[in-house]
Amino acid sequence: FRGRVSVPKVVPELCSARVLTSEFVEGRPVDQGVDELSQERRDEIARFQLEITMRELFEWRFMQTDPNWGNYLYDPEGAGGAGVLHLIDFGAARDYPKNFVDGYAELVWSAANGDKETMVEVSKAMGFLTGDESPAMIEAHINAGLVVGEPFFTSKPFDFHGSGITARIAAYSETFAKHRLTPPPREAYSLHRKLAGAFLMCIKLQAVFPCRDVLEDVYTSFKQRRLREEAEDADEAQALRQGA
């Protein structure tokens, strides 16, 4: 999405310890004027923000966690009329620890592939489950995860608005309230708020587009990065042993 997604440039000479000044960008919040946009444009915006959300977490480990639609300004005349999505207001940005991101990537990937056993094992390792939950809680946890992974099951276009995905996830809330034995990892609260916002934006835009390739690309980049980091850690450990 190079050239089609932008972050306003910071103006250092107008900044202070308490004031961040950036350039002005044209556009209006993505939830305004939806009916004026073609299906192609709406699908494109939704795909951009979904890919950004996943790259923020799995590649950069740094995410703008406020899913307010006003933080996404769309300029249909930008990029020579192709349209530009501007990202603004990073007051809720935060980083995520490597071990959490590594685990969550495997959780998402297993959900996208319908791998229930791995979903449960990763959930235990990350602290979403203790291992002592009732069958009802385990079943609800798995099923809710599969609903979230549904857009990524196949390479076919996914109809976010027609899927009823938010209501289907919410249907498990009562089970979670009754049977959950441990709160989720604290990182999950801000992350799930952002992921819910990403899905809601796709629903608001009535987007219908393939999602599988987005996840595959991001997951491939994630795995490559993890292999590089593991190799670097091994080299560093070897150097320390040799220097000892």
C-alpha atoms as a PDB file:
ATOM      1  CA  PHE A   1       0.000   0.000   0.000  1.00  0.00           C
ATOM      2  CA  ARG A   2       3.001   2.273  -0.515  1.00  0.00           C
ATOM      3  CA  GLY A   3       1.834   5.738  -1.495  1.00  0.00           C
ATOM      4  CA  ARG A   4      -1.762   4.926  -0.605  1.00  0.00           C
ATOM      5  CA  VAL A   5      -1.402   5.029   3.193  1.00  0.00           C
ATOM      6  CA  SER A   6       0.323   7.890   4.967  1.00  0.00           C
ATOM      7  CA  VAL A   7       1.279   9.197   8.384  1.00  0.00           C
ATOM      8  CA  PRO A   8       1.505  13.021   8.551  1.00  0.00           C
ATOM      9  CA  LYS A   9       5.063  14.282   8.827  1.00  0.00           C
ATOM     10  CA  VAL A  10       6.087  15.795  12.151  1.00  0.00           C
ATOM     11  CA  VAL A  11       7.203  19.453  12.150  1.00  0.00           C
ATOM     12  CA  PRO A  12      10.057  19.419  14.727  1.00  0.00           C
ATOM     13  CA  GLU A  13      10.468  23.177  14.972  1.00  0.00           C
ATOM     14  CA  LEU A  14       6.832  23.491  16.106  1.00  0.00           C
ATOM     15  CA  CYS A  15       7.014  20.693  18.679  1.00  0.00           C
ATOM     16  CA  SER A  16       7.762  20.808  22.383  1.00  0.00           C
ATOM     17  CA  ALA A  17       7.822  18.400  25.309  1.00  0.00           C
ATOM     18  CA  ARG A  18       4.015  18.691  25.500  1.00  0.00           C
ATOM     19  CA  VAL A  19       3.015  19.546  21.933  1.00  0.00           C
ATOM     20  CA  LEU A  20       3.350  17.378  18.829  1.00  0.00           C
ATOM     21  CA  THR A  21       2.769  19.269  15.587  1.00  0.00           C
ATOM     22  CA  SER A  22       2.356  17.530  12.252  1.00  0.00           C
ATOM     23  CA  GLU A  23       1.505  18.579   8.732  1.00  0.00           C
ATOM     24  CA  PHE A  24      -2.143  19.066   7.737  1.00  0.00           C
ATOM     25  CA  VAL A  25      -3.744  16.316   5.657  1.00  0.00           C
ATOM     26  CA  GLU A  26      -6.954  16.343   3.664  1.00  0.00           C
ATOM     27  CA  GLY A  27      -9.668  13.792   4.246  1.00  0.00           C
ATOM     28  CA  ARG A  28     -12.652  12.852   6.360  1.00  0.00           C
ATOM     29  CA  PRO A  29     -13.260  10.024   8.838  1.00  0.00           C
ATOM     30  CA  VAL A  30     -13.815   6.728   7.073  1.00  0.00           C
ATOM     31  CA  ASP A  31     -17.286   6.300   8.560  1.00  0.00           C
ATOM     32  CA  GLN A  32     -18.519   9.443   6.843  1.00  0.00           C
ATOM     33  CA  GLY A  33     -19.722   9.384   3.267  1.00  0.00           C
ATOM     34  CA  VAL A  34     -19.544   5.597   2.989  1.00  0.00           C
ATOM     35  CA  ASP A  35     -22.498   5.554   0.575  1.00  0.00           C
ATOM     36  CA  GLU A  36     -20.601   7.866  -1.759  1.00  0.00           C
ATOM     37  CA  LEU A  37     -17.758   5.399  -2.208  1.00  0.00           C
ATOM     38  CA  SER A  38     -17.751   2.558  -4.690  1.00  0.00           C
ATOM     39  CA  GLN A  39     -17.560  -1.022  -3.482  1.00  0.00           C
ATOM     40  CA  GLU A  40     -14.011  -1.184  -4.835  1.00  0.00           C
ATOM     41  CA  ARG A  41     -12.946   1.857  -2.797  1.00  0.00           C
ATOM     42  CA  ARG A  42     -14.602   0.557   0.368  1.00  0.00           C
ATOM     43  CA  ASP A  43     -12.947  -2.832  -0.014  1.00  0.00           C
ATOM     44  CA  GLU A  44      -9.596  -1.151  -0.576  1.00  0.00           C
ATOM     45  CA  ILE A  45      -9.832   1.016   2.552  1.00  0.00           C
ATOM     46  CA  ALA A  46     -10.880  -1.969   4.670  1.00  0.00           C
ATOM     47  CA  ARG A  47      -8.044  -4.094   3.323  1.00  0.00           C
ATOM     48  CA  PHE A  48      -5.502  -1.326   3.961  1.00  0.00           C
ATOM     49  CA  GLN A  49      -6.470  -0.892   7.595  1.00  0.00           C
ATOM     50  CA  LEU A  50      -6.672  -4.641   8.245  1.00  0.00           C
ATOM     51  CA  GLU A  51      -3.193  -5.160   6.830  1.00  0.00           C
ATOM     52  CA  ILE A  52      -1.841  -2.201   8.803  1.00  0.00           C
ATOM     53  CA  THR A  53      -3.343  -3.594  12.010  1.00  0.00           C
ATOM     54  CA  MET A  54      -1.664  -6.959  11.510  1.00  0.00           C
ATOM     55  CA  ARG A  55       1.681  -5.492  10.499  1.00  0.00           C
ATOM     56  CA  GLU A  56       1.616  -3.176  13.515  1.00  0.00           C
ATOM     57  CA  LEU A  57       1.431  -6.193  15.805  1.00  0.00           C
ATOM     58  CA  PHE A  58       3.317  -8.973  14.074  1.00  0.00           C
ATOM     59  CA  GLU A  59       6.067  -7.027  12.305  1.00  0.00           C
ATOM     60  CA  TRP A  60       6.589  -3.826  14.284  1.00  0.00           C
ATOM     61  CA  ARG A  61       5.239  -4.923  17.700  1.00  0.00           C
ATOM     62  CA  PHE A  62       4.025  -1.352  18.023  1.00  0.00           C
ATOM     63  CA  MET A  63       0.364  -0.530  17.591  1.00  0.00           C
ATOM     64  CA  GLN A  64      -1.933   2.446  17.623  1.00  0.00           C
ATOM     65  CA  THR A  65      -4.574   0.881  19.866  1.00  0.00           C
ATOM     66  CA  ASP A  66      -7.394   3.427  19.522  1.00  0.00           C
ATOM     67  CA  PRO A  67      -9.729   2.173  16.757  1.00  0.00           C
ATOM     68  CA  ASN A  68     -11.704   5.431  16.637  1.00  0.00           C
ATOM     69  CA  TRP A  69     -12.788   5.911  13.011  1.00  0.00           C
ATOM     70  CA  GLY A  70     -11.799   9.570  13.292  1.00  0.00           C
ATOM     71  CA  ASN A  71      -8.178   8.432  13.423  1.00  0.00           C
ATOM     72  CA  TYR A  72      -8.459   7.242   9.829  1.00  0.00           C
ATOM     73  CA  LEU A  73      -8.965  10.015   7.288  1.00  0.00           C
ATOM     74  CA  TYR A  74      -9.676   9.090   3.686  1.00  0.00           C
ATOM     75  CA  ASP A  75      -8.849  11.473   0.861  1.00  0.00           C
ATOM     76  CA  PRO A  76     -10.453  10.164  -2.349  1.00  0.00           C
ATOM     77  CA  GLU A  77      -8.492  12.690  -4.430  1.00  0.00           C
ATOM     78  CA  GLY A  78      -5.087  11.756  -3.027  1.00  0.00           C
ATOM     79  CA  ALA A  79      -2.440   9.881  -5.024  1.00  0.00           C
ATOM     80  CA  GLY A  80      -3.738  11.299  -8.286  1.00  0.00           C
ATOM     81  CA  GLY A  81      -7.324  10.273  -7.588  1.00  0.00           C
ATOM     82  CA  ALA A  82      -6.469   6.741  -6.464  1.00  0.00           C
ATOM     83  CA  GLY A  83      -7.223   7.701  -2.851  1.00  0.00           C
ATOM     84  CA  VAL A  84      -5.065   7.910   0.273  1.00  0.00           C
ATOM     85  CA  LEU A  85      -5.780   6.699   3.793  1.00  0.00           C
ATOM     86  CA  HIS A  86      -4.175   9.008   6.404  1.00  0.00           C
ATOM     87  CA  LEU A  87      -3.424   7.689   9.884  1.00  0.00           C
ATOM     88  CA  ILE A  88      -3.556  10.292  12.660  1.00  0.00           C
ATOM     89  CA  ASP A  89      -3.559  10.592  16.474  1.00  0.00           C
ATOM     90  CA  PHE A  90      -1.049   8.173  17.978  1.00  0.00           C
ATOM     91  CA  GLY A  91      -1.700   9.047  21.616  1.00  0.00           C
ATOM     92  CA  ALA A  92      -2.763   5.467  22.360  1.00  0.00           C
ATOM     93  CA  ALA A  93       0.210   3.818  20.646  1.00  0.00           C
ATOM     94  CA  ARG A  94       2.078   1.178  22.611  1.00  0.00           C
ATOM     95  CA  ASP A  95       4.588  -1.592  22.101  1.00  0.00           C
ATOM     96  CA  TYR A  96       4.067  -5.297  22.790  1.00  0.00           C
ATOM     97  CA  PRO A  97       6.668  -7.698  24.191  1.00  0.00           C
ATOM     98  CA  LYS A  98       8.208 -10.215  21.809  1.00  0.00           C
ATOM     99  CA  ASN A  99       7.014 -13.284  23.708  1.00  0.00           C
ATOM    100  CA  PHE A 100       3.405 -12.064  23.614  1.00  0.00           C
ATOM    101  CA  VAL A 101       3.540 -11.291  19.879  1.00  0.00           C
ATOM    102  CA  ASP A 102       5.195 -14.619  19.112  1.00  0.00           C
ATOM    103  CA  GLY A 103       2.480 -16.504  20.950  1.00  0.00           C
ATOM    104  CA  TYR A 104      -0.377 -14.452  19.534  1.00  0.00           C
ATOM    105  CA  ALA A 105       0.859 -14.938  15.971  1.00  0.00           C
ATOM    106  CA  GLU A 106       0.674 -18.694  16.447  1.00  0.00           C
ATOM    107  CA  LEU A 107      -2.759 -18.350  18.041  1.00  0.00           C
ATOM    108  CA  VAL A 108      -4.098 -16.376  15.071  1.00  0.00           C
ATOM    109  CA  TRP A 109      -2.478 -18.715  12.561  1.00  0.00           C
ATOM    110  CA  SER A 110      -3.938 -21.805  14.245  1.00  0.00           C
ATOM    111  CA  ALA A 111      -7.400 -20.189  14.361  1.00  0.00           C
ATOM    112  CA  ALA A 112      -7.158 -19.306  10.666  1.00  0.00           C
ATOM    113  CA  ASN A 113      -6.360 -22.933   9.900  1.00  0.00           C
ATOM    114  CA  GLY A 114      -8.954 -24.492  12.181  1.00  0.00           C
ATOM    115  CA  ASP A 115      -6.261 -26.100  14.339  1.00  0.00           C
ATOM    116  CA  LYS A 116      -8.161 -26.455  17.612  1.00  0.00           C
ATOM    117  CA  GLU A 117      -5.476 -28.414  19.445  1.00  0.00           C
ATOM    118  CA  THR A 118      -2.816 -25.770  18.821  1.00  0.00           C
ATOM    119  CA  MET A 119      -5.273 -23.028  19.755  1.00  0.00           C
ATOM    120  CA  VAL A 120      -5.755 -24.598  23.184  1.00  0.00           C
ATOM    121  CA  GLU A 121      -2.067 -25.314  23.776  1.00  0.00           C
ATOM    122  CA  VAL A 122      -0.970 -21.785  22.790  1.00  0.00           C
ATOM    123  CA  SER A 123      -3.800 -20.292  24.865  1.00  0.00           C
ATOM    124  CA  LYS A 124      -2.531 -22.180  27.915  1.00  0.00           C
ATOM    125  CA  ALA A 125       1.053 -21.123  27.295  1.00  0.00           C
ATOM    126  CA  MET A 126       0.018 -17.471  26.956  1.00  0.00           C
ATOM    127  CA  GLY A 127      -2.252 -17.452  30.012  1.00  0.00           C
ATOM    128  CA  PHE A 128      -5.623 -17.199  28.281  1.00  0.00           C
ATOM    129  CA  LEU A 129      -6.458 -20.596  29.803  1.00  0.00           C
ATOM    130  CA  THR A 130      -5.204 -22.370  32.925  1.00  0.00           C
ATOM    131  CA  GLY A 131      -5.837 -25.910  31.752  1.00  0.00           C
ATOM    132  CA  ASP A 132      -8.439 -26.500  34.458  1.00  0.00           C
ATOM    133  CA  GLU A 133     -11.380 -24.969  32.592  1.00  0.00           C
ATOM    134  CA  SER A 134     -14.704 -26.721  32.150  1.00  0.00           C
ATOM    135  CA  PRO A 135     -15.527 -28.328  28.790  1.00  0.00           C
ATOM    136  CA  ALA A 136     -18.041 -25.517  28.201  1.00  0.00           C
ATOM    137  CA  MET A 137     -15.351 -22.864  28.617  1.00  0.00           C
ATOM    138  CA  ILE A 138     -12.874 -24.692  26.380  1.00  0.00           C
ATOM    139  CA  GLU A 139     -15.519 -25.126  23.691  1.00  0.00           C
ATOM    140  CA  ALA A 140     -16.536 -21.448  23.866  1.00  0.00           C
ATOM    141  CA  HIS A 141     -12.899 -20.331  23.747  1.00  0.00           C
ATOM    142  CA  ILE A 142     -12.235 -22.449  20.662  1.00  0.00           C
ATOM    143  CA  ASN A 143     -15.428 -21.491  18.876  1.00  0.00           C
ATOM    144  CA  ALA A 144     -14.954 -17.769  19.503  1.00  0.00           C
ATOM    145  CA  GLY A 145     -11.406 -18.049  18.163  1.00  0.00           C
ATOM    146  CA  LEU A 146     -12.618 -19.833  15.054  1.00  0.00           C
ATOM    147  CA  VAL A 147     -15.174 -17.090  14.412  1.00  0.00           C
ATOM    148  CA  VAL A 148     -12.380 -14.498  14.595  1.00  0.00           C
ATOM    149  CA  GLY A 149     -10.290 -16.616  12.240  1.00  0.00           C
ATOM    150  CA  GLU A 150     -13.127 -17.115   9.763  1.00  0.00           C
ATOM    151  CA  PRO A 151     -12.185 -14.237   7.397  1.00  0.00           C
ATOM    152  CA  PHE A 152      -8.824 -15.982   6.889  1.00  0.00           C
ATOM    153  CA  PHE A 153     -10.060 -19.551   6.332  1.00  0.00           C
ATOM    154  CA  THR A 154      -9.963 -19.426   2.525  1.00  0.00           C
ATOM    155  CA  SER A 155      -8.864 -17.187  -0.323  1.00  0.00           C
ATOM    156  CA  LYS A 156     -12.472 -16.360  -1.179  1.00  0.00           C
ATOM    157  CA  PRO A 157     -13.802 -12.823  -0.546  1.00  0.00           C
ATOM    158  CA  PHE A 158     -15.231 -12.489   2.953  1.00  0.00           C
ATOM    159  CA  ASP A 159     -18.429 -10.492   3.499  1.00  0.00           C
ATOM    160  CA  PHE A 160     -17.862  -8.750   6.832  1.00  0.00           C
ATOM    161  CA  HIS A 161     -21.269  -7.061   6.955  1.00  0.00           C
ATOM    162  CA  GLY A 162     -23.211 -10.169   6.007  1.00  0.00           C
ATOM    163  CA  SER A 163     -21.270 -12.537   8.246  1.00  0.00           C
ATOM    164  CA  GLY A 164     -22.767 -11.398  11.551  1.00  0.00           C
ATOM    165  CA  ILE A 165     -19.330 -11.919  13.023  1.00  0.00           C
ATOM    166  CA  THR A 166     -19.634  -9.535  15.990  1.00  0.00           C
ATOM    167  CA  ALA A 167     -22.941 -11.005  17.183  1.00  0.00           C
ATOM    168  CA  ARG A 168     -21.557 -14.520  16.865  1.00  0.00           C
ATOM    169  CA  ILE A 169     -18.525 -13.648  18.994  1.00  0.00           C
ATOM    170  CA  ALA A 170     -20.702 -11.856  21.543  1.00  0.00           C
ATOM    171  CA  ALA A 171     -22.807 -15.003  21.911  1.00  0.00           C
ATOM    172  CA  TYR A 172     -19.997 -16.553  23.969  1.00  0.00           C
ATOM    173  CA  SER A 173     -19.776 -13.657  26.450  1.00  0.00           C
ATOM    174  CA  GLU A 174     -22.081 -15.265  29.008  1.00  0.00           C
ATOM    175  CA  THR A 175     -20.048 -18.472  29.004  1.00  0.00           C
ATOM    176  CA  PHE A 176     -16.828 -16.506  29.463  1.00  0.00           C
ATOM    177  CA  ALA A 177     -18.339 -14.560  32.359  1.00  0.00           C
ATOM    178  CA  LYS A 178     -19.463 -17.739  34.141  1.00  0.00           C
ATOM    179  CA  HIS A 179     -16.599 -20.101  33.464  1.00  0.00           C
ATOM    180  CA  ARG A 180     -13.404 -18.097  32.945  1.00  0.00           C
ATOM    181  CA  LEU A 181     -10.824 -18.996  35.589  1.00  0.00           C
ATOM    182  CA  THR A 182      -8.212 -16.364  34.831  1.00  0.00           C
ATOM    183  CA  PRO A 183      -8.206 -12.918  33.218  1.00  0.00           C
ATOM    184  CA  PRO A 184      -6.531 -12.683  29.808  1.00  0.00           C
ATOM    185  CA  PRO A 185      -2.958 -11.351  29.617  1.00  0.00           C
ATOM    186  CA  ARG A 186      -3.043  -7.596  30.198  1.00  0.00           C
ATOM    187  CA  GLU A 187      -1.719  -6.941  26.691  1.00  0.00           C
ATOM    188  CA  ALA A 188      -4.853  -8.549  25.295  1.00  0.00           C
ATOM    189  CA  TYR A 189      -7.185  -5.761  26.425  1.00  0.00           C
ATOM    190  CA  SER A 190      -5.762  -3.013  24.222  1.00  0.00           C
ATOM    191  CA  LEU A 191      -5.061  -5.465  21.404  1.00  0.00           C
ATOM    192  CA  HIS A 192      -8.577  -6.875  21.323  1.00  0.00           C
ATOM    193  CA  ARG A 193     -10.023  -3.364  21.393  1.00  0.00           C
ATOM    194  CA  LYS A 194      -8.007  -2.571  18.267  1.00  0.00           C
ATOM    195  CA  LEU A 195      -8.844  -5.855  16.525  1.00  0.00           C
ATOM    196  CA  ALA A 196     -12.538  -5.375  17.253  1.00  0.00           C
ATOM    197  CA  GLY A 197     -12.276  -1.879  15.789  1.00  0.00           C
ATOM    198  CA  ALA A 198     -10.610  -3.247  12.660  1.00  0.00           C
ATOM    199  CA  PHE A 199     -13.441  -5.717  12.104  1.00  0.00           C
ATOM    200  CA  LEU A 200     -16.085  -3.080  12.859  1.00  0.00           C
ATOM    201  CA  MET A 201     -14.557  -0.782  10.256  1.00  0.00           C
ATOM    202  CA  CYS A 202     -14.776  -3.563   7.686  1.00  0.00           C
ATOM    203  CA  ILE A 203     -18.415  -4.050   8.661  1.00  0.00           C
ATOM    204  CA  LYS A 204     -19.184  -0.316   8.487  1.00  0.00           C
ATOM    205  CA  LEU A 205     -17.639  -0.150   5.025  1.00  0.00           C
ATOM    206  CA  GLN A 206     -19.628  -3.247   4.007  1.00  0.00           C
ATOM    207  CA  ALA A 207     -16.364  -4.616   2.711  1.00  0.00           C
ATOM    208  CA  VAL A 208     -16.111  -7.865   0.800  1.00  0.00           C
ATOM    209  CA  PHE A 209     -12.546  -8.921   0.037  1.00  0.00           C
ATOM    210  CA  PRO A 210     -10.126 -11.856   0.382  1.00  0.00           C
ATOM    211  CA  CYS A 211      -8.229 -11.775   3.684  1.00  0.00           C
ATOM    212  CA  ARG A 212      -6.238 -15.003   3.571  1.00  0.00           C
ATOM    213  CA  ASP A 213      -3.380 -13.560   1.495  1.00  0.00           C
ATOM    214  CA  VAL A 214      -3.009 -10.621   3.890  1.00  0.00           C
ATOM    215  CA  LEU A 215      -2.491 -12.960   6.826  1.00  0.00           C
ATOM    216  CA  GLU A 216      -0.204 -15.256   4.837  1.00  0.00           C
ATOM    217  CA  ASP A 217       2.042 -12.357   3.814  1.00  0.00           C
ATOM    218  CA  VAL A 218       2.236 -10.960   7.341  1.00  0.00           C
ATOM    219  CA  TYR A 219       2.748 -14.392   8.927  1.00  0.00           C
ATOM    220  CA  THR A 220       5.535 -15.191   6.457  1.00  0.00           C
ATOM    221  CA  SER A 221       7.285 -11.923   7.325  1.00  0.00           C
ATOM    222  CA  PHE A 222       6.805 -12.683  11.017  1.00  0.00           C
ATOM    223  CA  LYS A 223       8.377 -16.136  10.687  1.00  0.00           C
ATOM    224  CA  GLN A 224      11.318 -14.758   8.713  1.00  0.00           C
ATOM    225  CA  ARG A 225      11.927 -12.102  11.336  1.00  0.00           C
ATOM    226  CA  ARG A 226      11.765 -14.646  14.150  1.00  0.00           C
ATOM    227  CA  LEU A 227      14.296 -16.886  12.388  1.00  0.00           C
ATOM    228  CA  ARG A 228      16.657 -13.917  11.971  1.00  0.00           C
ATOM    229  CA  GLU A 229      16.307 -12.992  15.626  1.00  0.00           C
ATOM    230  CA  GLU A 230      16.918 -16.565  16.744  1.00  0.00           C
ATOM    231  CA  ALA A 231      20.046 -16.722  14.572  1.00  0.00           C
ATOM    232  CA  GLU A 232      21.268 -13.411  16.015  1.00  0.00           C
ATOM    233  CA  ASP A 233      20.632 -14.659  19.569  1.00  0.00           C
ATOM    234  CA  ALA A 234      22.557 -17.856  18.820  1.00  0.00           C
ATOM    235  CA  ASP A 235      25.484 -15.893  17.388  1.00  0.00           C
ATOM    236  CA  GLU A 236      25.538 -13.630  20.430  1.00  0.00           C
ATOM    237  CA  ALA A 237      25.447 -16.589  22.807  1.00  0.00           C
ATOM    238  CA  GLN A 238      28.305 -18.247  20.939  1.00  0.00           C
ATOM    239  CA  ALA A 239      30.360 -15.070  21.059  1.00  0.00           C
ATOM    240  CA  LEU A 240      29.818 -14.837  24.818  1.00  0.00           C
ATOM    241  CA  ARG A 241      30.892 -18.438  25.315  1.00  0.00           C
ATOM    242  CA  GLN A 242      34.012 -17.900  23.244  1.00  0.00           C
ATOM    243  CA  GLY A 243      34.873 -14.767  25.192  1.00  0.00           C
ATOM    244  CA  ALA A 244      34.372 -16.432  28.558  1.00  0.00           C
END
